[in-house]
Amino acid sequence: MTLKRDDNTQKEYEGILFLNSLINNDNSIFIKTDTGDDLGIDGYIELTNNGYVTGFLMAVQIKSGTVSVVRQGGSFYAKTTKKHLEYWSKCNIPVVIIAYSTEQKIARWIDITKYLQENPDVIKNGPYNITMPEHQKLNLDSSSFDSFKSYYFNRYYEHYTGAQIFSLVLENLTYFEDKNKMINELYALFNHRNKKMTWFVVLNLLNYIKDKDVLTNLIIFISHITSHPDIFWSNKNSVDVSVEKFARQIINNTLKEEQIATLLSLIDEESTIERGSLGQSIDEIIKLLDKNTKYLYSIALDKDRNFEIQYVALLLLLSRDLIKTKDKELVIEKYIQEFPNSPYTDILSTDILAHIQEYGGISFY
């Protein structure tokens, strides 16, 4: 049977592409979420100011297609649910709904945070079709996005980067069992990335978080204190030098063999080690550790680890320039002797060994 892609799925994706285009033209940043759950949040926008990243994030729900967006007499209505309204009302970052017309190629937006503050009864009583203000339009003309940015900066920047919200976010990050809350609060905490306490909390969460989606978002957060080549900061918008130094000290004290193995478990056939991947972020984080080669060696030869984690640890070890070629050959030989039944012995004894003998190591980027 030949599968056909649903037409409305295509139209829904058009809204994401439209927003991506707007944000890219502005040189701002769009971080799309994909947790497998219907959070009521499709992603996060980090707004820039004169080309500089501000660190200020807002959550966005994108509505497009005939199912999600209703137009009556020229008006836009975005279909929502009671569950989503409840969720948005509790967010510790501002939330915007953007409704995109696939026919007219324009969008309208509404500050749903402000709307729910002014209309608290709507959560319980509805209506759940939210009218999108006619004057709040977005199109490919840059002036419309400039107005959108100015509104959110002026209304929310100081409030959501202030001490009161910071305290609430820290409290909410104790709800380890609530994946959706944890992910949202992590993005809220990103607005406070130049506070030392932020990094103390985020890095210590690695000792408690087991959910793959939350861990993925933690890794994205932590990669901002690495030398990750795909995160381009200028001197005016990077994490403060003293804060970055503090965070790196904490990560050296926090990440030990067990935490590293947990991170390595996230690298698989879908999340490989390549440029711009989650695997690259994990590699950059591990490189911050003074004893990273010692930990990788121990994990690679640990009989209590599964073959997949052993192999990833071994690959990262073989990519380290400070290790001599002869030592890399010896560790491959030792692994094959210790684990003859590993599914990776053949490729290690042939392709990878030959590559190391010719080039002195392996490189992923």
Protein backbone atom coordinates (compact mmCIF):
# COMPACT_ATOMS: atom_id res chain seq x y z
CA MET A 1 0.00 0.00 0.00
CA THR A 2 1.34 3.45 -0.94
CA LEU A 3 1.12 5.99 1.85
CA LYS A 4 -0.07 9.52 1.07
CA ARG A 5 0.87 12.49 3.19
CA ASP A 6 -2.13 14.23 4.73
CA ASP A 7 -2.87 17.58 3.03
CA ASN A 8 -3.44 19.35 6.34
CA THR A 9 -0.07 18.15 7.64
CA GLN A 10 1.54 19.92 4.70
CA LYS A 11 -0.45 23.10 5.43
CA GLU A 12 0.48 22.98 9.10
CA TYR A 13 4.15 22.73 8.15
CA GLU A 14 3.75 25.75 5.86
CA GLY A 15 3.13 27.86 8.96
CA ILE A 16 6.43 26.70 10.49
CA LEU A 17 8.29 27.43 7.24
CA PHE A 18 6.72 30.90 7.08
CA LEU A 19 7.77 31.70 10.65
CA ASN A 20 11.24 30.27 10.04
CA SER A 21 11.61 32.59 7.05
CA LEU A 22 10.55 35.65 9.07
CA ILE A 23 12.90 34.84 11.92
CA ASN A 24 15.81 34.01 9.64
CA ASN A 25 15.39 37.29 7.74
CA ASP A 26 15.54 39.12 11.07
CA ASN A 27 18.63 37.14 12.15
CA SER A 28 16.75 35.94 15.22
CA ILE A 29 16.68 32.28 16.28
CA PHE A 30 13.88 29.69 16.14
CA ILE A 31 14.25 26.52 18.22
CA LYS A 32 11.67 23.95 17.15
CA THR A 33 10.54 21.45 19.78
CA ASP A 34 9.85 17.84 18.92
CA THR A 35 9.11 15.88 22.07
CA GLY A 36 6.40 13.65 20.65
CA ASP A 37 3.82 15.26 22.95
CA ASP A 38 1.25 17.91 22.13
CA LEU A 39 2.58 20.52 24.53
CA GLY A 40 0.75 23.41 22.92
CA ILE A 41 4.17 24.87 22.15
CA ASP A 42 5.83 24.35 18.78
CA GLY A 43 9.08 26.11 19.57
CA TYR A 44 10.90 29.03 21.12
CA ILE A 45 12.00 32.32 19.57
CA GLU A 46 15.12 34.07 20.77
CA LEU A 47 14.90 37.66 19.61
CA THR A 48 17.91 39.69 18.52
CA ASN A 49 18.47 43.41 18.92
CA ASN A 50 20.48 45.08 16.15
CA GLY A 51 21.90 41.69 15.25
CA TYR A 52 22.93 40.79 18.81
CA VAL A 53 21.36 37.86 20.63
CA THR A 54 19.55 39.14 23.72
CA GLY A 55 19.04 35.85 25.56
CA PHE A 56 15.32 36.68 25.78
CA LEU A 57 13.12 33.72 24.80
CA MET A 58 9.41 33.42 24.15
CA ALA A 59 7.28 30.36 23.41
CA VAL A 60 5.26 30.09 20.21
CA GLN A 61 2.31 28.01 19.08
CA ILE A 62 1.83 28.01 15.30
CA LYS A 63 -1.59 27.42 13.81
CA SER A 64 -2.06 26.89 10.08
CA GLY A 65 -4.23 24.82 7.76
CA THR A 66 -7.98 24.40 7.64
CA VAL A 67 -8.21 22.39 10.87
CA SER A 68 -6.29 24.75 13.16
CA VAL A 69 -7.24 28.14 11.68
CA VAL A 70 -10.80 29.27 11.03
CA ARG A 71 -11.56 32.43 9.04
CA GLN A 72 -15.02 33.95 9.31
CA GLY A 73 -15.89 37.11 7.43
CA GLY A 74 -12.22 37.99 7.05
CA SER A 75 -11.41 37.37 10.73
CA PHE A 76 -8.91 34.81 11.99
CA TYR A 77 -9.75 32.40 14.80
CA ALA A 78 -7.14 30.03 16.17
CA LYS A 79 -8.56 26.78 17.53
CA THR A 80 -7.28 25.95 21.01
CA THR A 81 -8.33 23.71 23.91
CA LYS A 82 -8.89 24.14 27.63
CA LYS A 83 -5.78 22.03 28.28
CA HIS A 84 -3.60 24.34 26.18
CA LEU A 85 -4.98 27.51 27.77
CA GLU A 86 -4.24 26.10 31.22
CA TYR A 87 -0.70 25.21 30.16
CA TRP A 88 0.02 28.61 28.59
CA SER A 89 -1.32 30.45 31.64
CA LYS A 90 1.33 28.75 33.82
CA CYS A 91 4.32 29.38 31.55
CA ASN A 92 7.16 31.44 32.96
CA ILE A 93 7.97 32.94 29.58
CA PRO A 94 5.59 34.88 27.33
CA VAL A 95 3.59 32.83 24.84
CA VAL A 96 2.42 33.95 21.40
CA ILE A 97 -0.05 32.24 19.06
CA ILE A 98 0.64 32.78 15.37
CA ALA A 99 -2.15 31.84 12.96
CA TYR A 100 -1.02 31.50 9.34
CA SER A 101 -3.28 31.63 6.29
CA THR A 102 -1.93 29.23 3.67
CA GLU A 103 -4.15 30.97 1.10
CA GLN A 104 -3.28 34.60 1.82
CA LYS A 105 0.34 33.89 2.85
CA ILE A 106 0.02 36.18 5.85
CA ALA A 107 -0.21 35.55 9.58
CA ARG A 108 -1.76 37.20 12.60
CA TRP A 109 -0.53 36.94 16.16
CA ILE A 110 -1.90 37.35 19.64
CA ASP A 111 -0.20 37.76 23.00
CA ILE A 112 -1.95 34.83 24.65
CA THR A 113 -0.16 35.51 27.95
CA LYS A 114 -1.75 38.97 28.17
CA TYR A 115 -5.08 37.65 26.87
CA LEU A 116 -5.30 35.02 29.63
CA GLN A 117 -4.26 37.50 32.32
CA GLU A 118 -7.06 39.83 31.24
CA ASN A 119 -9.61 37.04 30.64
CA PRO A 120 -8.95 34.35 33.28
CA ASP A 121 -12.50 32.93 33.03
CA VAL A 122 -11.94 31.88 29.42
CA ILE A 123 -9.86 28.91 30.59
CA LYS A 124 -12.87 27.35 32.26
CA ASN A 125 -15.71 28.70 30.14
CA GLY A 126 -14.24 29.35 26.69
CA PRO A 127 -14.57 30.32 23.93
CA TYR A 128 -11.65 28.17 22.78
CA ASN A 129 -11.52 29.72 19.30
CA ILE A 130 -9.30 32.73 19.93
CA THR A 131 -9.84 35.79 17.74
CA MET A 132 -6.60 37.00 16.20
CA PRO A 133 -6.40 40.84 16.16
CA GLU A 134 -6.61 42.24 12.64
CA HIS A 135 -3.94 44.87 13.23
CA GLN A 136 -1.37 42.32 14.47
CA LYS A 137 -0.22 40.95 11.14
CA LEU A 138 2.98 39.27 10.05
CA ASN A 139 4.15 39.12 6.46
CA LEU A 140 7.48 38.98 4.69
CA ASP A 141 7.79 42.74 5.00
CA SER A 142 10.40 43.24 7.74
CA SER A 143 8.47 46.11 9.33
CA SER A 144 5.73 43.75 10.56
CA PHE A 145 8.25 41.60 12.43
CA ASP A 146 9.96 44.74 13.78
CA SER A 147 6.65 45.79 15.34
CA PHE A 148 6.19 42.29 16.77
CA LYS A 149 9.68 42.37 18.32
CA SER A 150 9.23 45.86 19.77
CA TYR A 151 5.99 44.82 21.44
CA TYR A 152 7.53 41.83 23.19
CA PHE A 153 10.73 43.62 24.21
CA ASN A 154 8.85 46.58 25.65
CA ARG A 155 6.23 44.56 27.44
CA TYR A 156 8.14 41.55 28.76
CA TYR A 157 11.92 41.79 28.66
CA GLU A 158 12.53 43.23 32.12
CA HIS A 159 9.77 41.21 33.79
CA TYR A 160 10.80 37.80 32.47
CA THR A 161 14.49 38.34 33.08
CA GLY A 162 13.87 39.60 36.64
CA ALA A 163 14.43 38.00 40.05
CA GLN A 164 10.79 37.05 40.74
CA ILE A 165 10.45 34.88 37.63
CA PHE A 166 13.91 33.42 38.26
CA SER A 167 12.78 32.21 41.68
CA LEU A 168 9.60 30.64 40.27
CA VAL A 169 11.52 28.85 37.54
CA LEU A 170 13.99 27.37 40.03
CA GLU A 171 11.12 26.08 42.17
CA ASN A 172 9.39 24.51 39.16
CA LEU A 173 12.55 22.69 38.14
CA THR A 174 12.06 20.37 41.12
CA TYR A 175 9.14 18.64 39.34
CA PHE A 176 11.34 15.98 37.77
CA GLU A 177 8.43 13.72 36.87
CA ASP A 178 6.69 16.38 34.75
CA LYS A 179 8.57 16.35 31.43
CA ASN A 180 6.58 19.16 29.83
CA LYS A 181 7.07 21.47 32.80
CA MET A 182 10.78 20.70 32.94
CA ILE A 183 11.35 21.51 29.27
CA ASN A 184 9.39 24.76 29.45
CA GLU A 185 11.16 25.89 32.61
CA LEU A 186 14.56 25.15 31.08
CA TYR A 187 13.78 27.57 28.27
CA ALA A 188 12.54 30.10 30.80
CA LEU A 189 15.81 29.66 32.70
CA PHE A 190 17.73 30.44 29.52
CA ASN A 191 16.63 34.05 29.99
CA HIS A 192 18.87 34.02 33.08
CA ARG A 193 21.96 32.39 31.59
CA ASN A 194 24.29 35.07 32.97
CA LYS A 195 23.54 34.08 36.56
CA LYS A 196 25.88 31.61 38.27
CA MET A 197 22.98 29.96 40.08
CA THR A 198 21.46 29.08 36.71
CA TRP A 199 24.44 26.94 35.80
CA PHE A 200 24.71 25.40 39.25
CA VAL A 201 21.11 24.20 38.93
CA VAL A 202 21.25 23.11 35.28
CA LEU A 203 24.46 21.12 35.67
CA ASN A 204 23.28 19.39 38.83
CA LEU A 205 20.07 18.36 37.08
CA LEU A 206 22.21 15.87 35.18
CA ASN A 207 22.25 13.81 38.39
CA TYR A 208 18.45 13.50 38.44
CA ILE A 209 17.01 13.65 34.92
CA LYS A 210 16.47 10.38 33.07
CA ASP A 211 13.88 11.37 30.45
CA LYS A 212 15.43 11.52 26.97
CA ASP A 213 13.59 14.66 25.85
CA VAL A 214 14.49 16.63 28.97
CA LEU A 215 18.10 15.47 28.73
CA THR A 216 18.23 16.57 25.10
CA ASN A 217 17.13 20.07 26.07
CA LEU A 218 19.61 20.10 28.96
CA ILE A 219 22.41 19.27 26.52
CA ILE A 220 21.38 22.08 24.17
CA PHE A 221 21.44 24.47 27.14
CA ILE A 222 24.82 23.29 28.46
CA SER A 223 26.44 23.44 25.01
CA HIS A 224 26.42 27.25 25.35
CA ILE A 225 29.41 27.10 27.69
CA THR A 226 31.45 24.91 25.34
CA SER A 227 33.54 25.79 22.32
CA HIS A 228 30.78 24.40 20.12
CA PRO A 229 31.63 25.68 16.60
CA ASP A 230 27.96 25.92 15.60
CA ILE A 231 27.08 28.40 18.35
CA PHE A 232 28.17 31.80 17.14
CA TRP A 233 28.24 34.46 19.82
CA SER A 234 29.80 37.90 19.63
CA ASN A 235 31.58 39.58 22.54
CA LYS A 236 28.39 41.51 23.24
CA ASN A 237 26.05 38.59 23.73
CA SER A 238 28.09 35.63 24.99
CA VAL A 239 27.78 34.19 28.47
CA ASP A 240 29.80 36.42 30.81
CA VAL A 241 33.40 35.23 31.15
CA SER A 242 33.17 34.85 34.93
CA VAL A 243 29.89 32.92 34.64
CA GLU A 244 31.30 30.65 31.93
CA LYS A 245 34.38 29.94 34.07
CA PHE A 246 32.15 29.10 37.04
CA ALA A 247 29.97 26.81 34.90
CA ARG A 248 32.99 24.94 33.60
CA GLN A 249 34.23 24.40 37.16
CA ILE A 250 30.84 23.03 38.16
CA ILE A 251 30.71 20.69 35.18
CA ASN A 252 34.14 19.28 36.11
CA ASN A 253 32.86 18.61 39.62
CA THR A 254 29.50 17.22 38.48
CA LEU A 255 30.11 15.02 35.45
CA LYS A 256 31.69 11.72 36.34
CA GLU A 257 31.62 8.37 34.59
CA GLU A 258 27.97 7.61 35.28
CA GLN A 259 26.71 10.96 33.97
CA ILE A 260 28.90 10.67 30.88
CA ALA A 261 27.50 7.21 30.15
CA THR A 262 23.98 8.65 30.39
CA LEU A 263 24.87 11.32 27.81
CA LEU A 264 26.48 8.74 25.52
CA SER A 265 23.30 6.64 25.65
CA LEU A 266 21.54 9.43 23.71
CA ILE A 267 23.83 8.94 20.70
CA ASP A 268 22.36 6.37 18.33
CA GLU A 269 21.68 5.86 14.63
CA GLU A 270 19.29 8.83 14.61
CA SER A 271 21.44 11.12 16.79
CA THR A 272 24.88 10.41 15.37
CA ILE A 273 28.12 12.30 15.94
CA GLU A 274 28.28 14.78 13.08
CA ARG A 275 28.34 18.51 12.47
CA GLY A 276 25.35 20.23 14.07
CA SER A 277 24.07 17.07 15.78
CA LEU A 278 23.15 16.30 19.38
CA GLY A 279 26.17 13.99 19.36
CA GLN A 280 28.44 16.93 18.61
CA SER A 281 27.00 18.86 21.55
CA ILE A 282 27.60 15.87 23.83
CA ASP A 283 31.16 15.54 22.55
CA GLU A 284 31.85 19.26 23.19
CA ILE A 285 30.48 18.97 26.75
CA ILE A 286 32.63 15.92 27.51
CA LYS A 287 35.71 17.73 26.16
CA LEU A 288 35.32 20.28 28.98
CA LEU A 289 36.25 17.62 31.54
CA ASP A 290 39.87 17.46 32.63
CA LYS A 291 39.68 13.65 32.86
CA ASN A 292 37.50 13.08 29.80
CA THR A 293 39.87 10.56 28.16
CA LYS A 294 40.14 8.58 31.40
CA TYR A 295 36.35 8.37 31.69
CA LEU A 296 35.90 7.41 28.02
CA TYR A 297 38.52 4.67 28.32
CA SER A 298 36.83 3.28 31.43
CA ILE A 299 33.38 3.28 29.81
CA ALA A 300 34.67 1.70 26.58
CA LEU A 301 36.11 -1.27 28.49
CA ASP A 302 33.42 -1.60 31.16
CA LYS A 303 31.85 -5.07 31.03
CA ASP A 304 28.67 -3.75 32.66
CA ARG A 305 27.95 -1.32 29.79
CA ASN A 306 26.03 -2.27 26.68
CA PHE A 307 27.93 -2.52 23.42
CA GLU A 308 26.41 0.67 21.98
CA ILE A 309 27.63 2.89 24.84
CA GLN A 310 31.05 1.17 24.82
CA TYR A 311 31.40 1.80 21.09
CA VAL A 312 30.44 5.49 21.25
CA ALA A 313 32.89 6.03 24.12
CA LEU A 314 35.59 4.28 22.11
CA LEU A 315 34.93 6.41 19.01
CA LEU A 316 35.20 9.63 21.01
CA LEU A 317 38.40 8.36 22.61
CA LEU A 318 39.88 7.59 19.18
CA SER A 319 39.07 11.13 18.04
CA ARG A 320 41.22 12.77 20.74
CA ASP A 321 44.33 14.34 19.21
CA LEU A 322 46.32 14.15 22.45
CA ILE A 323 46.31 10.36 22.39
CA LYS A 324 49.16 8.82 20.39
CA THR A 325 48.39 6.66 17.36
CA LYS A 326 50.04 3.64 18.98
CA ASP A 327 47.89 4.00 22.09
CA LYS A 328 44.76 4.15 19.91
CA GLU A 329 45.78 0.94 18.18
CA LEU A 330 46.33 -0.70 21.57
CA VAL A 331 42.91 0.27 22.93
CA ILE A 332 41.22 -1.17 19.82
CA GLU A 333 43.20 -4.38 20.27
CA LYS A 334 42.26 -4.56 23.95
CA TYR A 335 38.55 -3.96 23.21
CA ILE A 336 38.50 -6.77 20.62
CA GLN A 337 40.19 -9.13 23.09
CA GLU A 338 37.79 -8.23 25.91
CA PHE A 339 34.62 -8.26 23.82
CA PRO A 340 34.97 -10.73 20.91
CA ASN A 341 31.16 -10.98 20.66
CA SER A 342 30.65 -7.24 20.21
CA PRO A 343 28.94 -6.37 16.91
CA TYR A 344 31.57 -3.66 16.45
CA THR A 345 34.71 -5.84 16.49
CA ASP A 346 34.76 -6.30 12.69
CA ILE A 347 34.59 -2.61 11.80
CA LEU A 348 37.10 -1.76 14.53
CA SER A 349 39.63 -4.37 13.37
CA THR A 350 39.33 -3.35 9.71
CA ASP A 351 38.07 0.08 8.62
CA ILE A 352 38.65 2.05 11.82
CA LEU A 353 42.06 0.53 12.58
CA ALA A 354 43.23 1.16 9.02
CA HIS A 355 41.99 4.76 9.18
CA ILE A 356 43.86 5.38 12.42
CA GLN A 357 47.06 3.87 11.06
CA GLU A 358 46.85 6.15 8.02
CA TYR A 359 45.61 9.37 9.60
CA GLY A 360 46.46 9.01 13.29
CA GLY A 361 42.84 9.17 14.46
CA ILE A 362 39.25 9.72 13.41
CA SER A 363 37.33 12.95 12.96
CA PHE A 364 33.58 13.54 12.89
CA TYR A 365 33.50 17.15 11.67
